[in-house]
Amino acid sequence: TSSSTPASMRVTRQITGLTGTKVTYGIDKTKLVQNIIGSVINQINNGSTPITNVQAKFKIADAGTGTKTITADKTGTETIKFEGDGTYITSAMTANGVKYSLDTAALNNAIGGAANWTVKDNESPTPGSKQINAVTPLVVKGENGVTTKVDTGGLTIGLNGANLSSTINNSSTVINNVEAKFKIADTGTGTKTITADKTGTEIITFAGDGNIIESEVGTSGVKYKVNTANLNTAIDNQIANNTTITGHTTAINALKGGFTVSNAAGTKQTITLGGAPKKNIQFKGEANKILVEVASAADGATVTVKTDPNLGTHLNIANNGAITSLNTTVNGHTTDITALKAGFNVKSGSSVGPIVAGDTLEFAGVNYVQTAYDAAAKKLTVGLDTTALNSQINNQVNSNTTVVQHGTDITALKAGFDLKAGSTTNNVQLGGTPVPTVEFATTDDTMTVGLTGTKVTYG
């Protein structure tokens, strides 16, 4: 609540909930109504000291055009005198108010006892009338909130307060000659007083920041929106002025240039990177003869080239001279076959060793490199021993004096901070995945919430 609001007019703004990292603000409408009605009206109506320093005016009128303005004030100086006609109608002040009565003796004397007489109203153009005599008495009626009562004391005319209030409240004609004030405020100390009156002259302007945030007024109220073009321009400008990005322009352009692939003849095809859609390299074998398989692996993808199972049924050797003269060819290359049986040399650094038919060539890893061979797929995979490598990295990090010196700070930062609303407290931890988000929301459309940079605005 605002410290400048009197205790009797205090408006309660309540944080209605905290769920995870989401803070929801709302107005406690029940307390708002209680504060306005309960505190102000009840203090006036139930106080031991009534309000007397007031002044109000009203008019009284006769059945014609005569009127008189009456002033009711603190002193009660002015007096309304209710009189009769001085002949037949008399008035008297009773505990219930002014009571009118007929001087029947004077009236009977005037009309000669049982003679007839006529009463009329002043309606235009044709007044109503009724003949009165001993058989047909004069009946006085009230309507439109006016009450009448005849007793031994005479005729009493009054107003029905309940009917009058109901007539005003339920009338199709609304009382609009009113004026009321309220204030609007920013998140700081700035305020503005708004006057709501009969003409509705004053305007409240809901504006954005003139660049990224825009506002519009529709049938449902005020709506804020983001100018995406200006936002994208701002983001582009931020990227263009980011030294981390601009400092690696050459490297980025080199990466975008991609690489080339070629066939046995050396014909090259350029594969660029970073475009849309992504470039694709297709490994394709001759139909029914060469089979190419591409599979995903822990450290990338694996391409396997092997004989198609249908090769035997699609290979025509009936008229193949090379096949029919195979023995001749083999016998003519005895020296070559002997040379092939001698195997080949394998060299690593300065070490050289021969591999002949029947020998096993073992592939082993060192310095966090490991190998695996799939006999069924006839596939050799070379990769990193991530367990050993991670262990070595952790040992290096743990022995690094800079990391050790700031270990306590890092632990404290990862603990995050507490977010509290009312009696509910939730912790927001840092350094995890995904990145935590603190959301500020409202319970309904009685409040709005905006975000400009790092500033959250409620209204």
Protein backbone atom coordinates (compact mmCIF):
# COMPACT_ATOMS: atom_id res chain seq x y z
CA THR A 1 0.00 0.00 0.00
CA SER A 2 1.11 3.58 -0.60
CA SER A 3 2.43 5.41 2.46
CA SER A 4 0.62 8.58 1.34
CA THR A 5 -2.84 6.92 1.48
CA PRO A 6 -4.85 7.55 4.69
CA ALA A 7 -5.51 4.48 6.80
CA SER A 8 -9.26 4.76 6.12
CA MET A 9 -8.68 4.74 2.32
CA ARG A 10 -5.87 2.16 2.11
CA VAL A 11 -5.99 0.00 -1.05
CA THR A 12 -4.53 -3.47 -0.71
CA ARG A 13 -2.34 -4.82 -3.52
CA GLN A 14 -1.62 -8.49 -2.89
CA ILE A 15 0.94 -10.94 -4.39
CA THR A 16 -1.42 -13.81 -5.06
CA GLY A 17 1.08 -16.57 -5.88
CA LEU A 18 4.58 -17.88 -6.55
CA THR A 19 4.90 -21.03 -8.69
CA GLY A 20 8.47 -22.09 -9.38
CA THR A 21 10.08 -18.96 -10.80
CA LYS A 22 6.78 -17.32 -11.80
CA VAL A 23 5.60 -14.34 -9.67
CA THR A 24 1.93 -13.42 -10.15
CA TYR A 25 0.61 -10.01 -9.06
CA GLY A 26 -3.07 -9.14 -8.62
CA ILE A 27 -5.48 -6.77 -6.89
CA ASP A 28 -7.45 -8.21 -3.99
CA LYS A 29 -10.83 -6.89 -5.15
CA THR A 30 -12.62 -8.00 -1.99
CA LYS A 31 -10.25 -6.06 0.23
CA LEU A 32 -10.42 -3.10 -2.14
CA VAL A 33 -14.22 -2.93 -1.79
CA GLN A 34 -14.00 -3.48 1.97
CA ASN A 35 -11.43 -0.70 2.35
CA ILE A 36 -13.53 1.81 0.39
CA ILE A 37 -16.95 0.92 1.79
CA GLY A 38 -15.97 -0.39 5.21
CA SER A 39 -13.43 2.24 6.18
CA VAL A 40 -14.96 5.43 4.75
CA ILE A 41 -18.72 5.00 4.79
CA ASN A 42 -18.86 3.07 8.08
CA GLN A 43 -16.68 5.66 9.83
CA ILE A 44 -19.07 8.42 8.70
CA ASN A 45 -22.30 6.55 9.44
CA ASN A 46 -21.19 4.86 12.69
CA GLY A 47 -19.05 7.61 14.15
CA SER A 48 -20.03 9.18 17.45
CA THR A 49 -19.65 12.67 15.98
CA PRO A 50 -21.86 13.40 12.92
CA ILE A 51 -20.67 15.61 10.07
CA THR A 52 -22.31 19.01 10.56
CA ASN A 53 -20.18 21.42 8.53
CA VAL A 54 -22.21 20.95 5.33
CA GLN A 55 -24.45 23.02 3.09
CA ALA A 56 -26.93 21.89 0.42
CA LYS A 57 -29.78 23.52 -1.49
CA PHE A 58 -33.12 22.25 -2.74
CA LYS A 59 -36.33 23.77 -4.03
CA ILE A 60 -39.96 23.55 -3.03
CA ALA A 61 -42.76 24.37 -5.47
CA ASP A 62 -46.50 24.82 -5.54
CA ALA A 63 -48.85 23.27 -8.07
CA GLY A 64 -48.27 26.22 -10.38
CA THR A 65 -44.99 27.92 -11.22
CA GLY A 66 -44.05 29.28 -7.84
CA THR A 67 -40.76 27.97 -6.39
CA LYS A 68 -38.50 28.76 -3.46
CA THR A 69 -34.86 27.76 -2.90
CA ILE A 70 -34.12 26.39 0.56
CA THR A 71 -30.59 26.23 2.06
CA ALA A 72 -29.80 23.50 4.61
CA ASP A 73 -26.59 24.30 6.49
CA LYS A 74 -24.68 23.81 9.71
CA THR A 75 -26.74 26.32 11.73
CA GLY A 76 -30.20 25.35 10.41
CA THR A 77 -31.12 29.03 10.11
CA GLU A 78 -33.69 28.85 7.32
CA THR A 79 -37.25 27.71 8.16
CA ILE A 80 -39.81 26.16 5.80
CA LYS A 81 -43.27 27.16 6.96
CA PHE A 82 -46.13 24.82 6.02
CA GLU A 83 -49.37 26.86 6.12
CA GLY A 84 -53.00 26.28 5.32
CA ASP A 85 -55.30 28.68 3.47
CA GLY A 86 -56.28 30.44 6.68
CA THR A 87 -59.90 29.42 6.29
CA TYR A 88 -60.51 25.73 5.71
CA ILE A 89 -57.05 24.09 5.74
CA THR A 90 -54.92 24.16 8.88
CA SER A 91 -51.41 22.78 9.58
CA ALA A 92 -49.79 21.44 12.74
CA MET A 93 -46.28 20.16 13.58
CA THR A 94 -46.32 16.66 15.06
CA ALA A 95 -43.65 14.16 16.05
CA ASN A 96 -43.93 12.64 12.54
CA GLY A 97 -43.77 15.95 10.64
CA VAL A 98 -46.30 18.47 9.33
CA LYS A 99 -49.92 17.38 9.27
CA TYR A 100 -52.66 19.13 7.30
CA SER A 101 -56.31 18.95 8.26
CA LEU A 102 -59.65 20.44 7.20
CA ASP A 103 -61.62 22.75 9.43
CA THR A 104 -64.83 20.80 8.87
CA ALA A 105 -66.93 23.23 10.86
CA ALA A 106 -65.81 26.16 8.73
CA LEU A 107 -66.23 24.09 5.59
CA ASN A 108 -69.74 22.93 6.52
CA ASN A 109 -70.71 26.46 7.36
CA ALA A 110 -69.38 27.64 4.02
CA ILE A 111 -71.21 25.02 1.94
CA GLY A 112 -74.38 25.02 3.99
CA GLY A 113 -74.06 21.65 5.70
CA ALA A 114 -75.01 18.95 3.16
CA ALA A 115 -74.66 20.95 -0.02
CA ASN A 116 -72.65 19.64 -3.00
CA TRP A 117 -69.26 21.08 -3.97
CA THR A 118 -66.70 20.31 -6.65
CA VAL A 119 -62.95 19.82 -6.46
CA LYS A 120 -60.73 20.35 -9.51
CA ASP A 121 -57.06 20.03 -10.38
CA ASN A 122 -55.04 22.36 -12.59
CA GLU A 123 -54.23 19.90 -15.39
CA SER A 124 -54.10 21.37 -18.91
CA PRO A 125 -55.89 21.55 -21.24
CA THR A 126 -58.78 19.76 -19.45
CA PRO A 127 -58.74 19.89 -15.62
CA GLY A 128 -60.10 16.88 -13.75
CA SER A 129 -63.05 17.42 -11.40
CA LYS A 130 -65.19 15.52 -8.91
CA GLN A 131 -68.38 16.44 -7.05
CA ILE A 132 -68.21 16.05 -3.30
CA ASN A 133 -71.17 15.73 -0.88
CA ALA A 134 -72.23 13.86 2.17
CA VAL A 135 -72.63 10.62 0.17
CA THR A 136 -69.42 10.95 -1.87
CA PRO A 137 -66.59 11.94 0.45
CA LEU A 138 -63.34 13.57 -0.66
CA VAL A 139 -60.61 10.85 -0.98
CA VAL A 140 -57.03 12.11 -0.96
CA LYS A 141 -54.53 9.83 -2.81
CA GLY A 142 -50.77 9.98 -3.28
CA GLU A 143 -48.60 8.71 -6.17
CA ASN A 144 -45.03 8.87 -7.52
CA GLY A 145 -43.54 8.64 -4.04
CA VAL A 146 -46.14 10.88 -2.30
CA THR A 147 -48.07 9.33 0.65
CA THR A 148 -51.32 10.45 2.27
CA LYS A 149 -52.96 9.56 5.55
CA VAL A 150 -56.23 10.74 7.13
CA ASP A 151 -56.95 10.18 10.81
CA THR A 152 -58.69 11.98 13.60
CA GLY A 153 -56.01 14.59 13.46
CA GLY A 154 -56.61 15.36 9.78
CA LEU A 155 -54.78 14.79 6.47
CA THR A 156 -51.04 13.99 6.43
CA ILE A 157 -49.04 14.27 3.17
CA GLY A 158 -45.49 12.86 3.00
CA LEU A 159 -42.78 11.26 0.78
CA ASN A 160 -42.04 7.54 0.48
CA GLY A 161 -38.21 7.49 0.80
CA ALA A 162 -37.80 3.86 -0.36
CA ASN A 163 -39.87 4.44 -3.53
CA LEU A 164 -38.01 7.68 -4.27
CA SER A 165 -34.57 5.96 -3.98
CA SER A 166 -35.75 3.04 -6.13
CA THR A 167 -37.08 5.45 -8.78
CA ILE A 168 -33.72 7.23 -8.99
CA ASN A 169 -31.61 4.04 -9.03
CA ASN A 170 -33.78 2.19 -11.56
CA SER A 171 -34.46 5.10 -13.88
CA SER A 172 -33.39 4.72 -17.52
CA THR A 173 -31.98 8.23 -17.28
CA VAL A 174 -28.51 8.04 -15.70
CA ILE A 175 -27.17 10.85 -13.50
CA ASN A 176 -24.14 12.01 -15.48
CA ASN A 177 -23.46 15.47 -14.09
CA VAL A 178 -20.71 14.11 -11.83
CA GLU A 179 -16.98 14.57 -11.34
CA ALA A 180 -14.42 12.22 -9.77
CA LYS A 181 -10.64 12.08 -9.64
CA PHE A 182 -8.04 9.32 -9.55
CA LYS A 183 -4.29 9.08 -10.00
CA ILE A 184 -2.00 7.10 -12.28
CA ALA A 185 1.67 6.54 -11.43
CA ASP A 186 4.88 5.12 -12.86
CA THR A 187 7.20 2.75 -11.02
CA GLY A 188 9.10 5.71 -9.56
CA THR A 189 7.61 8.79 -7.91
CA GLY A 190 5.85 10.33 -10.91
CA THR A 191 2.06 10.69 -10.62
CA LYS A 192 -0.74 12.41 -12.55
CA THR A 193 -4.24 13.24 -11.38
CA ILE A 194 -7.01 12.31 -13.84
CA THR A 195 -10.46 13.90 -13.70
CA ALA A 196 -13.46 11.89 -14.92
CA ASP A 197 -16.43 14.20 -15.54
CA LYS A 198 -19.60 14.62 -17.54
CA THR A 199 -17.83 15.60 -20.76
CA GLY A 200 -14.97 13.06 -20.57
CA THR A 201 -12.53 15.70 -21.76
CA GLU A 202 -9.30 14.40 -20.21
CA ILE A 203 -7.33 11.75 -22.13
CA ILE A 204 -4.91 9.18 -20.72
CA THR A 205 -2.30 8.32 -23.34
CA PHE A 206 -0.72 4.85 -23.17
CA ALA A 207 2.54 5.15 -25.09
CA GLY A 208 5.42 2.82 -25.88
CA ASP A 209 9.10 3.73 -26.03
CA GLY A 210 8.80 5.23 -29.50
CA ASN A 211 10.92 2.50 -31.04
CA ILE A 212 10.45 -1.15 -30.14
CA ILE A 213 7.36 -1.04 -27.88
CA GLU A 214 4.09 0.21 -29.43
CA SER A 215 0.56 0.57 -28.04
CA GLU A 216 -2.92 0.49 -29.51
CA VAL A 217 -6.43 0.88 -28.09
CA GLY A 218 -9.10 -1.57 -29.19
CA THR A 219 -12.51 -2.73 -28.03
CA SER A 220 -10.93 -4.83 -25.27
CA GLY A 221 -8.65 -2.04 -23.94
CA VAL A 222 -4.99 -1.10 -24.29
CA LYS A 223 -2.62 -3.59 -25.91
CA TYR A 224 1.16 -3.30 -26.10
CA LYS A 225 3.10 -4.98 -28.88
CA VAL A 226 6.66 -5.23 -30.17
CA ASN A 227 7.75 -3.60 -33.42
CA THR A 228 9.52 -6.67 -34.81
CA ALA A 229 11.23 -4.74 -37.61
CA ASN A 230 12.81 -2.28 -35.17
CA LEU A 231 13.65 -5.11 -32.76
CA ASN A 232 15.38 -7.07 -35.52
CA THR A 233 17.28 -3.92 -36.53
CA ALA A 234 18.41 -3.44 -32.93
CA ILE A 235 19.53 -7.08 -32.72
CA ASP A 236 21.38 -6.78 -36.04
CA ASN A 237 23.12 -3.64 -34.78
CA GLN A 238 24.11 -5.41 -31.57
CA ILE A 239 25.56 -8.30 -33.56
CA ALA A 240 27.33 -5.97 -35.99
CA ASN A 241 28.97 -4.11 -33.09
CA ASN A 242 29.87 -7.26 -31.15
CA THR A 243 33.66 -7.48 -31.12
CA THR A 244 33.59 -11.23 -30.46
CA ILE A 245 31.78 -11.79 -33.77
CA THR A 246 33.52 -9.10 -35.84
CA GLY A 247 36.91 -10.29 -34.58
CA HIS A 248 36.34 -13.70 -36.15
CA THR A 249 34.84 -12.65 -39.46
CA THR A 250 37.69 -14.17 -41.44
CA ALA A 251 37.38 -17.51 -39.65
CA ILE A 252 33.59 -17.54 -40.07
CA ASN A 253 33.84 -16.77 -43.79
CA ALA A 254 36.45 -19.52 -44.18
CA LEU A 255 34.12 -22.01 -42.50
CA LYS A 256 31.23 -20.92 -44.72
CA GLY A 257 33.44 -21.67 -47.73
CA GLY A 258 33.13 -25.35 -46.82
CA PHE A 259 35.19 -28.09 -48.51
CA THR A 260 35.36 -30.14 -51.71
CA VAL A 261 34.78 -33.77 -52.62
CA SER A 262 36.05 -35.45 -55.80
CA ASN A 263 35.96 -38.69 -57.76
CA ALA A 264 38.94 -40.82 -58.76
CA ALA A 265 39.56 -38.59 -61.75
CA GLY A 266 39.86 -35.55 -59.52
CA THR A 267 36.62 -33.84 -60.53
CA LYS A 268 35.72 -31.65 -57.55
CA GLN A 269 32.42 -30.53 -56.12
CA THR A 270 32.31 -27.71 -53.53
CA ILE A 271 30.23 -28.24 -50.39
CA THR A 272 29.51 -24.91 -48.67
CA LEU A 273 28.45 -24.59 -45.02
CA GLY A 274 26.00 -22.38 -43.20
CA GLY A 275 23.42 -22.05 -45.96
CA ALA A 276 19.77 -23.02 -46.11
CA PRO A 277 18.95 -25.71 -46.96
CA LYS A 278 22.02 -27.67 -45.85
CA LYS A 279 24.20 -29.22 -48.57
CA ASN A 280 24.08 -33.02 -48.73
CA ILE A 281 26.81 -35.47 -49.77
CA GLN A 282 25.29 -38.67 -51.22
CA PHE A 283 27.27 -41.92 -51.19
CA LYS A 284 25.89 -44.05 -54.01
CA GLY A 285 26.98 -47.43 -55.39
CA GLU A 286 26.19 -49.09 -58.71
CA ALA A 287 22.75 -50.65 -58.56
CA ASN A 288 22.69 -54.32 -57.50
CA LYS A 289 26.50 -54.43 -57.32
CA ILE A 290 27.83 -51.93 -54.75
CA LEU A 291 25.93 -51.25 -51.53
CA VAL A 292 26.57 -48.10 -49.47
CA GLU A 293 25.28 -47.73 -45.91
CA VAL A 294 25.38 -44.55 -43.79
CA ALA A 295 24.76 -44.87 -40.06
CA SER A 296 25.03 -42.48 -37.13
CA ALA A 297 27.79 -43.05 -34.59
CA ALA A 298 28.64 -41.64 -31.18
CA ASP A 299 31.34 -39.43 -32.69
CA GLY A 300 29.66 -38.66 -36.04
CA ALA A 301 28.56 -40.83 -38.97
CA THR A 302 29.88 -44.04 -40.53
CA VAL A 303 29.90 -44.80 -44.27
CA THR A 304 30.18 -48.49 -45.15
CA VAL A 305 30.82 -49.64 -48.76
CA LYS A 306 30.30 -53.35 -49.44
CA THR A 307 29.21 -55.83 -52.08
CA ASP A 308 25.51 -55.82 -52.84
CA PRO A 309 23.87 -59.17 -51.91
CA ASN A 310 22.37 -59.25 -55.44
CA LEU A 311 25.76 -59.05 -57.17
CA GLY A 312 25.85 -62.77 -57.98
CA THR A 313 22.50 -62.72 -59.76
CA HIS A 314 23.32 -59.60 -61.76
CA LEU A 315 26.90 -60.42 -62.82
CA ASN A 316 27.03 -61.97 -66.34
CA ILE A 317 30.17 -64.05 -66.83
CA ALA A 318 28.98 -66.27 -69.71
CA ASN A 319 30.96 -64.45 -72.40
CA ASN A 320 33.60 -62.87 -70.15
CA GLY A 321 36.97 -63.80 -71.59
CA ALA A 322 38.73 -62.77 -68.41
CA ILE A 323 36.71 -65.25 -66.41
CA THR A 324 36.96 -68.13 -68.88
CA SER A 325 40.71 -67.77 -69.13
CA LEU A 326 41.13 -67.31 -65.38
CA ASN A 327 43.48 -70.29 -64.97
CA THR A 328 45.69 -69.07 -67.78
CA THR A 329 45.81 -65.63 -66.21
CA VAL A 330 46.54 -67.02 -62.74
CA ASN A 331 49.23 -69.37 -63.97
CA GLY A 332 50.81 -66.55 -65.88
CA HIS A 333 51.10 -64.46 -62.75
CA THR A 334 52.67 -66.89 -60.35
CA THR A 335 55.42 -64.44 -59.55
CA ASP A 336 52.86 -61.71 -58.81
CA ILE A 337 50.87 -64.00 -56.55
CA THR A 338 54.00 -64.94 -54.65
CA ALA A 339 54.74 -61.26 -54.19
CA LEU A 340 51.20 -60.67 -52.91
CA LYS A 341 51.57 -63.50 -50.43
CA ALA A 342 54.64 -61.70 -49.09
CA GLY A 343 52.23 -59.12 -47.74
CA PHE A 344 52.97 -55.43 -47.09
CA ASN A 345 54.74 -53.24 -44.59
CA VAL A 346 53.08 -51.14 -41.92
CA LYS A 347 54.91 -48.06 -40.65
CA SER A 348 54.25 -45.84 -37.66
CA GLY A 349 56.87 -43.22 -36.95
CA SER A 350 60.22 -44.92 -37.28
CA SER A 351 58.79 -48.40 -36.69
CA VAL A 352 58.24 -50.61 -39.76
CA GLY A 353 56.90 -54.18 -39.86
CA PRO A 354 55.55 -56.58 -42.52
CA ILE A 355 52.03 -58.01 -42.62
CA VAL A 356 51.76 -61.24 -44.60
CA ALA A 357 48.81 -63.43 -45.42
CA GLY A 358 47.49 -65.01 -42.24
CA ASP A 359 48.80 -62.23 -39.98
CA THR A 360 46.48 -60.05 -37.89
CA LEU A 361 46.89 -56.26 -38.04
CA GLU A 362 45.82 -54.78 -34.69
CA PHE A 363 44.65 -51.20 -34.36
CA ALA A 364 45.25 -49.81 -30.85
CA GLY A 365 44.74 -46.39 -29.35
CA VAL A 366 46.96 -44.27 -27.12
CA ASN A 367 46.61 -40.94 -25.32
CA TYR A 368 42.80 -41.13 -24.91
CA VAL A 369 42.24 -42.62 -28.41
CA GLN A 370 40.39 -45.95 -28.51
CA THR A 371 39.48 -48.38 -31.29
CA ALA A 372 36.62 -50.79 -31.81
CA TYR A 373 36.07 -53.41 -34.51
CA ASP A 374 32.66 -54.77 -35.51
CA ALA A 375 33.37 -58.21 -37.01
CA ALA A 376 29.84 -58.61 -38.36
CA ALA A 377 29.90 -55.25 -40.10
CA LYS A 378 33.67 -55.51 -40.80
CA LYS A 379 33.96 -51.95 -39.51
CA LEU A 380 36.84 -50.35 -37.64
CA THR A 381 35.91 -47.32 -35.53
CA VAL A 382 38.51 -44.95 -34.11
CA GLY A 383 37.37 -42.47 -31.48
CA LEU A 384 38.15 -40.72 -28.21
CA ASP A 385 38.09 -42.47 -24.83
CA THR A 386 35.78 -39.82 -23.37
CA THR A 387 35.90 -41.31 -19.85
CA ALA A 388 39.68 -41.13 -19.64
CA LEU A 389 39.77 -37.76 -21.41
CA ASN A 390 37.14 -36.24 -19.11
CA SER A 391 39.02 -37.60 -16.10
CA GLN A 392 42.22 -35.96 -17.33
CA ILE A 393 40.40 -32.66 -18.02
CA ASN A 394 38.83 -32.75 -14.54
CA ASN A 395 42.24 -33.39 -12.99
CA GLN A 396 43.67 -30.46 -14.94
CA VAL A 397 40.77 -28.19 -13.92
CA ASN A 398 40.92 -29.28 -10.27
CA SER A 399 44.64 -28.60 -10.13
CA ASN A 400 44.32 -25.23 -11.86
CA THR A 401 45.06 -22.55 -9.25
CA THR A 402 42.69 -20.00 -10.85
CA VAL A 403 39.75 -22.43 -10.72
CA VAL A 404 40.61 -23.58 -7.19
CA GLN A 405 40.89 -19.99 -5.94
CA HIS A 406 37.40 -19.22 -7.25
CA GLY A 407 35.77 -22.56 -6.38
CA THR A 408 33.82 -21.03 -3.48
CA ASP A 409 32.61 -18.16 -5.69
CA ILE A 410 31.46 -20.57 -8.41
CA THR A 411 29.61 -22.74 -5.88
CA ALA A 412 27.90 -19.65 -4.42
CA LEU A 413 26.87 -18.45 -7.88
CA LYS A 414 25.42 -21.88 -8.81
CA ALA A 415 23.31 -21.77 -5.63
CA GLY A 416 21.43 -18.89 -7.30
CA PHE A 417 19.04 -16.72 -5.31
CA ASP A 418 15.71 -16.95 -3.49
CA LEU A 419 12.52 -15.52 -5.00
CA LYS A 420 9.89 -14.69 -2.35
CA ALA A 421 6.23 -13.70 -2.69
CA GLY A 422 4.25 -13.44 0.52
CA SER A 423 5.02 -16.54 2.58
CA THR A 424 6.16 -18.59 -0.43
CA THR A 425 9.89 -18.85 -1.22
CA ASN A 426 11.44 -20.62 -4.23
CA ASN A 427 15.12 -20.94 -5.14
CA VAL A 428 16.38 -20.07 -8.64
CA GLN A 429 19.62 -21.98 -9.34
CA LEU A 430 22.14 -20.81 -11.92
CA GLY A 431 24.47 -22.65 -14.27
CA GLY A 432 22.07 -25.48 -15.08
CA THR A 433 20.24 -26.61 -18.21
CA PRO A 434 17.87 -25.19 -19.29
CA VAL A 435 18.57 -21.59 -18.23
CA PRO A 436 16.00 -20.61 -15.55
CA THR A 437 13.40 -17.95 -16.39
CA VAL A 438 11.69 -15.71 -13.81
CA GLU A 439 8.24 -14.78 -15.09
CA PHE A 440 6.23 -11.79 -13.82
CA ALA A 441 2.50 -12.15 -14.45
CA THR A 442 -0.92 -10.84 -13.34
CA THR A 443 -3.97 -12.75 -12.11
CA ASP A 444 -6.43 -11.01 -14.46
CA ASP A 445 -6.85 -7.99 -16.74
CA THR A 446 -7.08 -5.49 -13.83
CA MET A 447 -3.30 -5.14 -14.12
CA THR A 448 -0.76 -5.12 -16.94
CA VAL A 449 2.91 -6.07 -16.93
CA GLY A 450 5.62 -4.80 -19.30
CA LEU A 451 9.33 -5.55 -19.82
CA THR A 452 11.71 -2.90 -21.16
CA GLY A 453 15.36 -4.02 -21.11
CA THR A 454 15.87 -5.19 -17.52
CA LYS A 455 12.92 -3.16 -16.16
CA VAL A 456 9.59 -4.83 -15.23
CA THR A 457 6.65 -2.42 -15.13
CA TYR A 458 3.28 -3.12 -13.49
CA GLY A 459 0.21 -0.95 -14.04
